[in-house]
Amino acid sequence: MEETESMREQMLAIIERNSRIDLKELAVILGVEEIDVVNELAAMEKEGIICGYHTMIDWEKTAIEKVTALIEVRVTPQRGQGFDNIAERIYKYPEVNSVYLISGGYDLLVTLEGKSLKEVSTFVSDKLSTLDTVLSTATHFILKKYKDHGTILTKKYEDEREKITP
């Protein structure tokens, strides 16, 4: 059992960084048979441990205009439900990418994307702020991403010219 847990931990760490890793390569890294990797991945998907597979895109390198915002939300928790009901109402909006319960001065952190600052601002003012249990919001727009999900997006410029010394 402990061996399976250790393999799972290693497997999860690897596929979190690269969900497209070849299963044969993953089996070699883990020192197990490919069928064991396939079965373990299927089991973790069924158990809800693996919830999905995603592709990370650096949108700044495309012609597509996107604005990403982080919105802090202060809410009144509901008796017997805490923050779950309001979090569910928020994450059901198609514009919303993620909702987190956080510590600190705000209760929830909401991330969303839109085509423009105005589109995001309109969502916050017309949909989010008008929810009955929302007390206040603070919107922060992401201006530049340096690192996302463990991946460095901005590379330092390196002078590739050959050095000439006398």
N, C-alpha and C. Protein backbone atom coordinates (compact mmCIF):
# COMPACT_ATOMS: atom_id res chain seq x y z
N MET A 1 0.82 -1.20 0.00
CA MET A 1 0.00 0.00 0.00
C MET A 1 0.87 1.26 0.00
N GLU A 2 1.92 1.24 0.85
CA GLU A 2 2.82 2.38 0.93
C GLU A 2 3.55 2.59 -0.39
N GLU A 3 3.89 1.49 -1.06
CA GLU A 3 4.58 1.56 -2.35
C GLU A 3 3.68 2.21 -3.40
N THR A 4 2.39 1.86 -3.38
CA THR A 4 1.43 2.44 -4.31
C THR A 4 1.28 3.93 -4.05
N GLU A 5 1.21 4.33 -2.78
CA GLU A 5 1.09 5.75 -2.44
C GLU A 5 2.31 6.53 -2.90
N SER A 6 3.49 5.96 -2.73
CA SER A 6 4.73 6.60 -3.17
C SER A 6 4.73 6.76 -4.69
N MET A 7 4.30 5.71 -5.41
CA MET A 7 4.24 5.78 -6.87
C MET A 7 3.24 6.85 -7.30
N ARG A 8 2.10 6.89 -6.62
CA ARG A 8 1.08 7.90 -6.94
C ARG A 8 1.63 9.31 -6.76
N GLU A 9 2.30 9.54 -5.64
CA GLU A 9 2.87 10.86 -5.37
C GLU A 9 3.85 11.26 -6.47
N GLN A 10 4.74 10.34 -6.84
CA GLN A 10 5.71 10.62 -7.89
C GLN A 10 5.00 10.87 -9.23
N MET A 11 4.04 10.04 -9.54
CA MET A 11 3.30 10.15 -10.79
C MET A 11 2.58 11.49 -10.87
N LEU A 12 1.91 11.86 -9.79
CA LEU A 12 1.18 13.13 -9.77
C LEU A 12 2.12 14.32 -9.94
N ALA A 13 3.27 14.27 -9.29
CA ALA A 13 4.24 15.37 -9.42
C ALA A 13 4.71 15.51 -10.86
N ILE A 14 4.93 14.40 -11.52
CA ILE A 14 5.42 14.42 -12.90
C ILE A 14 4.34 14.91 -13.85
N ILE A 15 3.14 14.35 -13.76
CA ILE A 15 2.10 14.74 -14.73
C ILE A 15 1.54 16.14 -14.45
N GLU A 16 1.72 16.64 -13.23
CA GLU A 16 1.30 18.01 -12.96
C GLU A 16 2.16 18.99 -13.77
N ARG A 17 3.42 18.65 -13.94
CA ARG A 17 4.35 19.48 -14.73
C ARG A 17 4.20 19.25 -16.23
N ASN A 18 3.90 17.98 -16.61
CA ASN A 18 3.81 17.64 -18.03
C ASN A 18 2.76 16.56 -18.22
N SER A 19 1.52 16.99 -18.47
CA SER A 19 0.43 16.03 -18.60
C SER A 19 0.50 15.26 -19.92
N ARG A 20 1.38 15.68 -20.82
CA ARG A 20 1.50 14.99 -22.11
C ARG A 20 2.67 14.01 -22.14
N ILE A 21 3.25 13.73 -21.00
CA ILE A 21 4.39 12.81 -20.97
C ILE A 21 3.95 11.45 -21.52
N ASP A 22 4.81 10.85 -22.29
CA ASP A 22 4.54 9.53 -22.85
C ASP A 22 4.45 8.53 -21.71
N LEU A 23 3.43 7.68 -21.75
CA LEU A 23 3.22 6.74 -20.65
C LEU A 23 4.36 5.74 -20.52
N LYS A 24 4.98 5.38 -21.64
CA LYS A 24 6.15 4.49 -21.56
C LYS A 24 7.29 5.17 -20.81
N GLU A 25 7.50 6.46 -21.11
CA GLU A 25 8.55 7.23 -20.44
C GLU A 25 8.24 7.36 -18.94
N LEU A 26 6.99 7.61 -18.63
CA LEU A 26 6.58 7.72 -17.23
C LEU A 26 6.82 6.41 -16.49
N ALA A 27 6.52 5.29 -17.14
CA ALA A 27 6.75 3.98 -16.53
C ALA A 27 8.24 3.76 -16.26
N VAL A 28 9.09 4.17 -17.21
CA VAL A 28 10.54 4.02 -17.03
C VAL A 28 11.02 4.87 -15.86
N ILE A 29 10.55 6.11 -15.79
CA ILE A 29 10.95 7.00 -14.69
C ILE A 29 10.55 6.41 -13.35
N LEU A 30 9.35 5.83 -13.30
CA LEU A 30 8.84 5.28 -12.04
C LEU A 30 9.36 3.87 -11.75
N GLY A 31 9.95 3.23 -12.76
CA GLY A 31 10.47 1.88 -12.58
C GLY A 31 9.38 0.83 -12.48
N VAL A 32 8.29 1.04 -13.23
CA VAL A 32 7.18 0.10 -13.22
C VAL A 32 6.79 -0.23 -14.66
N GLU A 33 5.85 -1.15 -14.82
CA GLU A 33 5.35 -1.51 -16.15
C GLU A 33 4.36 -0.43 -16.63
N GLU A 34 4.29 -0.28 -17.95
CA GLU A 34 3.38 0.72 -18.52
C GLU A 34 1.93 0.45 -18.13
N ILE A 35 1.54 -0.80 -18.05
CA ILE A 35 0.17 -1.15 -17.69
C ILE A 35 -0.15 -0.69 -16.27
N ASP A 36 0.85 -0.71 -15.39
CA ASP A 36 0.65 -0.22 -14.02
C ASP A 36 0.37 1.29 -14.02
N VAL A 37 1.08 2.02 -14.88
CA VAL A 37 0.87 3.46 -15.01
C VAL A 37 -0.54 3.74 -15.53
N VAL A 38 -0.93 3.03 -16.58
CA VAL A 38 -2.26 3.21 -17.18
C VAL A 38 -3.34 2.92 -16.14
N ASN A 39 -3.21 1.82 -15.42
CA ASN A 39 -4.21 1.44 -14.41
C ASN A 39 -4.28 2.45 -13.27
N GLU A 40 -3.12 2.92 -12.84
CA GLU A 40 -3.08 3.87 -11.72
C GLU A 40 -3.67 5.22 -12.13
N LEU A 41 -3.38 5.68 -13.35
CA LEU A 41 -3.98 6.93 -13.84
C LEU A 41 -5.50 6.80 -13.92
N ALA A 42 -5.97 5.68 -14.46
CA ALA A 42 -7.42 5.45 -14.56
C ALA A 42 -8.06 5.43 -13.17
N ALA A 43 -7.40 4.79 -12.22
CA ALA A 43 -7.93 4.73 -10.85
C ALA A 43 -8.00 6.13 -10.23
N MET A 44 -6.96 6.94 -10.43
CA MET A 44 -6.95 8.29 -9.86
C MET A 44 -7.97 9.20 -10.54
N GLU A 45 -8.22 8.98 -11.83
CA GLU A 45 -9.27 9.73 -12.52
C GLU A 45 -10.63 9.36 -11.95
N LYS A 46 -10.86 8.06 -11.75
CA LYS A 46 -12.14 7.57 -11.22
C LYS A 46 -12.38 8.08 -9.79
N GLU A 47 -11.31 8.16 -8.99
CA GLU A 47 -11.41 8.62 -7.60
C GLU A 47 -11.52 10.14 -7.50
N GLY A 48 -11.34 10.84 -8.62
CA GLY A 48 -11.43 12.30 -8.60
C GLY A 48 -10.15 12.97 -8.14
N ILE A 49 -9.06 12.22 -8.03
CA ILE A 49 -7.77 12.81 -7.67
C ILE A 49 -7.25 13.61 -8.86
N ILE A 50 -7.31 13.00 -10.04
CA ILE A 50 -6.97 13.71 -11.27
C ILE A 50 -8.30 14.24 -11.82
N CYS A 51 -8.40 15.55 -11.88
CA CYS A 51 -9.67 16.19 -12.25
C CYS A 51 -9.72 16.65 -13.70
N GLY A 52 -8.59 16.70 -14.37
CA GLY A 52 -8.56 17.14 -15.75
C GLY A 52 -7.13 17.35 -16.20
N TYR A 53 -6.97 17.61 -17.47
CA TYR A 53 -5.66 17.86 -18.06
C TYR A 53 -5.74 19.19 -18.81
N HIS A 54 -4.74 20.04 -18.63
CA HIS A 54 -4.81 21.38 -19.19
C HIS A 54 -3.57 21.73 -19.99
N THR A 55 -3.76 22.64 -20.92
CA THR A 55 -2.66 23.17 -21.70
C THR A 55 -2.41 24.60 -21.27
N MET A 56 -1.17 24.95 -20.96
CA MET A 56 -0.83 26.30 -20.58
C MET A 56 -0.40 27.07 -21.83
N ILE A 57 -1.00 28.22 -22.05
CA ILE A 57 -0.73 29.02 -23.24
C ILE A 57 -0.25 30.39 -22.80
N ASP A 58 0.79 30.89 -23.43
CA ASP A 58 1.25 32.26 -23.20
C ASP A 58 0.51 33.13 -24.20
N TRP A 59 -0.61 33.68 -23.78
CA TRP A 59 -1.48 34.44 -24.68
C TRP A 59 -0.82 35.71 -25.21
N GLU A 60 0.20 36.21 -24.52
CA GLU A 60 0.90 37.41 -24.99
C GLU A 60 1.63 37.15 -26.30
N LYS A 61 1.90 35.91 -26.61
CA LYS A 61 2.61 35.57 -27.84
C LYS A 61 1.65 35.25 -28.98
N THR A 62 0.36 35.51 -28.77
CA THR A 62 -0.64 35.29 -29.81
C THR A 62 -1.29 36.63 -30.16
N ALA A 63 -2.09 36.63 -31.19
CA ALA A 63 -2.81 37.84 -31.59
C ALA A 63 -4.13 37.97 -30.84
N ILE A 64 -4.44 37.02 -29.99
CA ILE A 64 -5.70 37.01 -29.26
C ILE A 64 -5.60 37.92 -28.04
N GLU A 65 -6.56 38.82 -27.93
CA GLU A 65 -6.60 39.74 -26.79
C GLU A 65 -7.32 39.09 -25.62
N LYS A 66 -6.66 39.02 -24.48
CA LYS A 66 -7.26 38.48 -23.27
C LYS A 66 -6.82 39.31 -22.08
N VAL A 67 -7.74 39.48 -21.16
CA VAL A 67 -7.43 40.16 -19.92
C VAL A 67 -7.76 39.18 -18.80
N THR A 68 -6.82 39.00 -17.88
CA THR A 68 -7.04 38.12 -16.74
C THR A 68 -7.13 38.98 -15.48
N ALA A 69 -8.10 38.67 -14.64
CA ALA A 69 -8.29 39.41 -13.41
C ALA A 69 -8.38 38.48 -12.22
N LEU A 70 -7.88 38.95 -11.10
CA LEU A 70 -8.03 38.29 -9.82
C LEU A 70 -8.95 39.18 -9.00
N ILE A 71 -10.04 38.63 -8.54
CA ILE A 71 -11.02 39.42 -7.80
C ILE A 71 -11.14 38.87 -6.40
N GLU A 72 -10.84 39.72 -5.43
CA GLU A 72 -11.04 39.34 -4.04
C GLU A 72 -12.49 39.68 -3.69
N VAL A 73 -13.15 38.76 -3.01
CA VAL A 73 -14.57 38.94 -2.70
C VAL A 73 -14.78 38.72 -1.21
N ARG A 74 -15.44 39.69 -0.57
CA ARG A 74 -15.82 39.55 0.83
C ARG A 74 -17.31 39.24 0.85
N VAL A 75 -17.69 38.17 1.53
CA VAL A 75 -19.10 37.75 1.55
C VAL A 75 -19.57 37.49 2.98
N THR A 76 -20.88 37.39 3.12
CA THR A 76 -21.48 36.96 4.38
C THR A 76 -21.73 35.47 4.27
N PRO A 77 -21.05 34.66 5.08
CA PRO A 77 -21.29 33.21 5.01
C PRO A 77 -22.72 32.89 5.44
N GLN A 78 -23.29 31.83 4.87
CA GLN A 78 -24.66 31.44 5.19
C GLN A 78 -24.66 30.40 6.30
N ARG A 79 -25.63 30.51 7.15
CA ARG A 79 -25.77 29.59 8.29
C ARG A 79 -25.88 28.16 7.77
N GLY A 80 -25.03 27.27 8.28
CA GLY A 80 -25.07 25.87 7.92
C GLY A 80 -24.42 25.55 6.58
N GLN A 81 -24.12 26.55 5.77
CA GLN A 81 -23.52 26.34 4.45
C GLN A 81 -22.13 26.95 4.35
N GLY A 82 -21.82 27.89 5.23
CA GLY A 82 -20.54 28.58 5.15
C GLY A 82 -20.44 29.34 3.84
N PHE A 83 -19.38 29.08 3.11
CA PHE A 83 -19.11 29.79 1.86
C PHE A 83 -19.48 28.97 0.62
N ASP A 84 -19.89 27.73 0.81
CA ASP A 84 -20.09 26.82 -0.31
C ASP A 84 -21.15 27.28 -1.31
N ASN A 85 -22.28 27.74 -0.84
CA ASN A 85 -23.35 28.15 -1.76
C ASN A 85 -22.96 29.35 -2.61
N ILE A 86 -22.36 30.35 -1.99
CA ILE A 86 -21.97 31.54 -2.76
C ILE A 86 -20.83 31.20 -3.71
N ALA A 87 -19.91 30.35 -3.27
CA ALA A 87 -18.82 29.92 -4.17
C ALA A 87 -19.39 29.20 -5.38
N GLU A 88 -20.39 28.35 -5.16
CA GLU A 88 -21.02 27.63 -6.27
C GLU A 88 -21.72 28.59 -7.22
N ARG A 89 -22.43 29.57 -6.69
CA ARG A 89 -23.10 30.55 -7.55
C ARG A 89 -22.08 31.27 -8.43
N ILE A 90 -20.93 31.58 -7.84
CA ILE A 90 -19.90 32.31 -8.60
C ILE A 90 -19.25 31.40 -9.63
N TYR A 91 -18.86 30.17 -9.26
CA TYR A 91 -18.14 29.34 -10.23
C TYR A 91 -19.02 28.84 -11.37
N LYS A 92 -20.31 28.97 -11.25
CA LYS A 92 -21.20 28.58 -12.35
C LYS A 92 -21.20 29.58 -13.51
N TYR A 93 -20.73 30.80 -13.28
CA TYR A 93 -20.62 31.75 -14.38
C TYR A 93 -19.56 31.25 -15.36
N PRO A 94 -19.85 31.23 -16.65
CA PRO A 94 -18.87 30.71 -17.61
C PRO A 94 -17.58 31.54 -17.70
N GLU A 95 -17.64 32.80 -17.33
CA GLU A 95 -16.44 33.66 -17.38
C GLU A 95 -15.42 33.29 -16.31
N VAL A 96 -15.88 32.64 -15.25
CA VAL A 96 -15.03 32.36 -14.09
C VAL A 96 -14.18 31.13 -14.34
N ASN A 97 -12.87 31.29 -14.13
CA ASN A 97 -11.93 30.17 -14.28
C ASN A 97 -11.75 29.41 -12.98
N SER A 98 -11.69 30.12 -11.87
CA SER A 98 -11.46 29.45 -10.59
C SER A 98 -12.02 30.27 -9.44
N VAL A 99 -12.32 29.58 -8.36
CA VAL A 99 -12.79 30.21 -7.12
C VAL A 99 -12.10 29.50 -5.97
N TYR A 100 -11.49 30.27 -5.10
CA TYR A 100 -10.77 29.72 -3.95
C TYR A 100 -11.28 30.37 -2.66
N LEU A 101 -11.42 29.60 -1.61
CA LEU A 101 -11.66 30.13 -0.27
C LEU A 101 -10.28 30.48 0.28
N ILE A 102 -10.11 31.72 0.73
CA ILE A 102 -8.78 32.17 1.15
C ILE A 102 -8.83 32.76 2.56
N SER A 103 -7.67 32.88 3.16
CA SER A 103 -7.57 33.53 4.46
C SER A 103 -7.23 35.00 4.23
N GLY A 104 -7.39 35.81 5.26
CA GLY A 104 -7.04 37.22 5.15
C GLY A 104 -8.26 38.10 5.17
N GLY A 105 -8.14 39.28 4.58
CA GLY A 105 -9.19 40.28 4.61
C GLY A 105 -10.37 39.98 3.72
N TYR A 106 -10.19 39.09 2.76
CA TYR A 106 -11.28 38.70 1.87
C TYR A 106 -11.55 37.21 2.06
N ASP A 107 -12.69 36.75 1.56
CA ASP A 107 -13.08 35.36 1.76
C ASP A 107 -12.80 34.48 0.54
N LEU A 108 -13.06 35.02 -0.64
CA LEU A 108 -12.91 34.26 -1.88
C LEU A 108 -11.98 34.98 -2.83
N LEU A 109 -11.25 34.19 -3.61
CA LEU A 109 -10.45 34.73 -4.71
C LEU A 109 -11.00 34.12 -5.99
N VAL A 110 -11.42 34.98 -6.90
CA VAL A 110 -12.03 34.55 -8.15
C VAL A 110 -11.11 34.96 -9.29
N THR A 111 -10.81 34.05 -10.21
CA THR A 111 -10.05 34.41 -11.39
C THR A 111 -10.95 34.27 -12.61
N LEU A 112 -10.82 35.22 -13.52
CA LEU A 112 -11.60 35.15 -14.74
C LEU A 112 -10.87 35.84 -15.87
N GLU A 113 -11.32 35.54 -17.08
CA GLU A 113 -10.73 36.13 -18.28
C GLU A 113 -11.82 36.80 -19.08
N GLY A 114 -11.44 37.87 -19.75
CA GLY A 114 -12.36 38.57 -20.64
C GLY A 114 -11.58 39.13 -21.82
N LYS A 115 -12.29 39.72 -22.76
CA LYS A 115 -11.64 40.28 -23.94
C LYS A 115 -11.07 41.66 -23.67
N SER A 116 -11.58 42.34 -22.64
CA SER A 116 -11.12 43.70 -22.34
C SER A 116 -11.30 44.01 -20.86
N LEU A 117 -10.67 45.10 -20.42
CA LEU A 117 -10.84 45.55 -19.04
C LEU A 117 -12.31 45.87 -18.78
N LYS A 118 -12.96 46.47 -19.77
CA LYS A 118 -14.36 46.85 -19.61
C LYS A 118 -15.24 45.61 -19.44
N GLU A 119 -14.98 44.57 -20.21
CA GLU A 119 -15.78 43.34 -20.09
C GLU A 119 -15.66 42.74 -18.70
N VAL A 120 -14.44 42.69 -18.17
CA VAL A 120 -14.23 42.15 -16.83
C VAL A 120 -14.88 43.05 -15.79
N SER A 121 -14.70 44.35 -15.94
CA SER A 121 -15.30 45.31 -14.99
C SER A 121 -16.82 45.21 -14.99
N THR A 122 -17.40 45.02 -16.17
CA THR A 122 -18.85 44.88 -16.27
C THR A 122 -19.32 43.61 -15.57
N PHE A 123 -18.57 42.53 -15.71
CA PHE A 123 -18.92 41.29 -15.01
C PHE A 123 -18.93 41.52 -13.51
N VAL A 124 -17.88 42.18 -13.02
CA VAL A 124 -17.77 42.40 -11.58
C VAL A 124 -18.92 43.28 -11.08
N SER A 125 -19.19 44.38 -11.79
CA SER A 125 -20.22 45.32 -11.32
C SER A 125 -21.64 44.80 -11.53
N ASP A 126 -21.90 44.11 -12.63
CA ASP A 126 -23.26 43.68 -12.94
C ASP A 126 -23.63 42.31 -12.39
N LYS A 127 -22.69 41.42 -12.30
CA LYS A 127 -23.02 40.06 -11.87
C LYS A 127 -22.49 39.73 -10.48
N LEU A 128 -21.22 39.97 -10.25
CA LEU A 128 -20.60 39.54 -9.00
C LEU A 128 -21.02 40.42 -7.82
N SER A 129 -20.88 41.71 -7.97
CA SER A 129 -21.18 42.63 -6.87
C SER A 129 -22.64 42.67 -6.49
N THR A 130 -23.51 42.25 -7.40
CA THR A 130 -24.95 42.31 -7.11
C THR A 130 -25.48 41.07 -6.39
N LEU A 131 -24.65 40.05 -6.22
CA LEU A 131 -25.09 38.86 -5.48
C LEU A 131 -25.40 39.26 -4.03
N ASP A 132 -26.48 38.74 -3.49
CA ASP A 132 -26.98 39.20 -2.20
C ASP A 132 -26.01 39.03 -1.03
N THR A 133 -25.15 38.06 -1.04
CA THR A 133 -24.23 37.87 0.10
C THR A 133 -22.87 38.52 -0.11
N VAL A 134 -22.64 39.13 -1.27
CA VAL A 134 -21.35 39.80 -1.53
C VAL A 134 -21.34 41.16 -0.86
N LEU A 135 -20.36 41.38 0.00
CA LEU A 135 -20.22 42.65 0.72
C LEU A 135 -19.34 43.63 -0.04
N SER A 136 -18.23 43.13 -0.62
CA SER A 136 -17.33 44.00 -1.37
C SER A 136 -16.41 43.17 -2.25
N THR A 137 -15.81 43.86 -3.24
CA THR A 137 -14.87 43.20 -4.14
C THR A 137 -13.67 44.12 -4.35
N ALA A 138 -12.56 43.53 -4.74
CA ALA A 138 -11.37 44.27 -5.15
C ALA A 138 -10.82 43.55 -6.37
N THR A 139 -10.73 44.26 -7.48
CA THR A 139 -10.30 43.65 -8.74
C THR A 139 -8.86 44.02 -9.04
N HIS A 140 -8.07 43.02 -9.39
CA HIS A 140 -6.67 43.21 -9.75
C HIS A 140 -6.47 42.60 -11.14
N PHE A 141 -5.98 43.40 -12.07
CA PHE A 141 -5.73 42.91 -13.42
C PHE A 141 -4.29 42.44 -13.53
N ILE A 142 -4.10 41.30 -14.17
CA ILE A 142 -2.75 40.79 -14.38
C ILE A 142 -2.16 41.53 -15.58
N LEU A 143 -1.05 42.20 -15.36
CA LEU A 143 -0.42 42.97 -16.42
C LEU A 143 0.61 42.15 -17.19
N LYS A 144 1.28 41.25 -16.47
CA LYS A 144 2.29 40.40 -17.12
C LYS A 144 2.50 39.17 -16.26
N LYS A 145 2.62 38.02 -16.90
CA LYS A 145 2.90 36.78 -16.18
C LYS A 145 4.37 36.45 -16.35
N TYR A 146 5.03 36.20 -15.23
CA TYR A 146 6.43 35.81 -15.26
C TYR A 146 6.58 34.30 -15.10
N LYS A 147 5.73 33.72 -14.26
CA LYS A 147 5.75 32.29 -14.01
C LYS A 147 4.32 31.86 -13.74
N ASP A 148 3.92 30.74 -14.33
CA ASP A 148 2.55 30.26 -14.17
C ASP A 148 2.58 28.74 -14.04
N HIS A 149 1.94 28.22 -13.00
CA HIS A 149 1.90 26.78 -12.76
C HIS A 149 3.30 26.14 -12.82
N GLY A 150 4.27 26.83 -12.25
CA GLY A 150 5.63 26.30 -12.19
C GLY A 150 6.45 26.51 -13.45
N THR A 151 5.88 27.11 -14.48
CA THR A 151 6.58 27.31 -15.74
C THR A 151 6.97 28.77 -15.89
N ILE A 152 8.25 29.03 -16.13
CA ILE A 152 8.74 30.39 -16.36
C ILE A 152 8.34 30.80 -17.77
N LEU A 153 7.64 31.93 -17.87
CA LEU A 153 7.15 32.39 -19.16
C LEU A 153 8.05 33.44 -19.80
N THR A 154 8.81 34.17 -19.00
CA THR A 154 9.69 35.20 -19.55
C THR A 154 11.12 34.73 -19.43
N LYS A 155 11.79 34.70 -20.54
CA LYS A 155 13.19 34.29 -20.55
C LYS A 155 14.07 35.54 -20.58
N LYS A 156 15.13 35.51 -19.80
CA LYS A 156 16.08 36.61 -19.83
C LYS A 156 16.79 36.64 -21.17
N TYR A 157 17.05 37.84 -21.65
CA TYR A 157 17.78 37.98 -22.90
C TYR A 157 19.23 37.58 -22.65
N GLU A 158 19.73 36.68 -23.48
CA GLU A 158 21.12 36.29 -23.39
C GLU A 158 21.82 36.65 -24.67
N ASP A 159 22.90 37.37 -24.55
CA ASP A 159 23.67 37.78 -25.72
C ASP A 159 24.34 36.55 -26.30
N GLU A 160 23.97 36.23 -27.53
CA GLU A 160 24.49 35.03 -28.17
C GLU A 160 25.69 35.32 -29.08
N ARG A 161 26.15 36.57 -29.07
CA ARG A 161 27.30 36.90 -29.90
C ARG A 161 28.56 36.26 -29.34
N GLU A 162 29.45 35.92 -30.21
CA GLU A 162 30.70 35.30 -29.80
C GLU A 162 31.61 36.36 -29.19
N LYS A 163 32.21 36.01 -28.05
CA LYS A 163 33.11 36.95 -27.40
C LYS A 163 34.46 36.93 -28.09
N ILE A 164 35.00 38.09 -28.34
CA ILE A 164 36.32 38.20 -28.96
C ILE A 164 37.25 38.88 -27.95
N THR A 165 38.34 38.19 -27.65
CA THR A 165 39.29 38.76 -26.71
C THR A 165 40.63 38.95 -27.43
N PRO A 166 41.32 40.03 -27.09
CA PRO A 166 42.61 40.31 -27.76
C PRO A 166 43.69 39.33 -27.35
